[in-house]
C-alpha cells in the first residue's frame, strides 16, 4: 500500500512542477521533470519486483 501512495505522491508532485514550469514558459524543463519522475517510479517498481522474485525463490527453494 505504501508503494502505491509513494507512486501517487511522485505523480502529483511531478504534475504540479510540470504545470508550474509550463506556465513559466519552461516546457523544456517540464519534460525533464516528467522523465525524471518516470525513471524514479520505474526504479521503485524494479526494486519491488526484485524483492518479490527473491521472496519467491526463498519460499520455493529455487536457488
Foldseek 3Di string as FASTA:
>chain_A
DVLVVVLVVLVVVLVVVLVVCVVVVNNVVSVVSVVVSVVVNVVVVVVVVVVVVVVVCVVVVPD
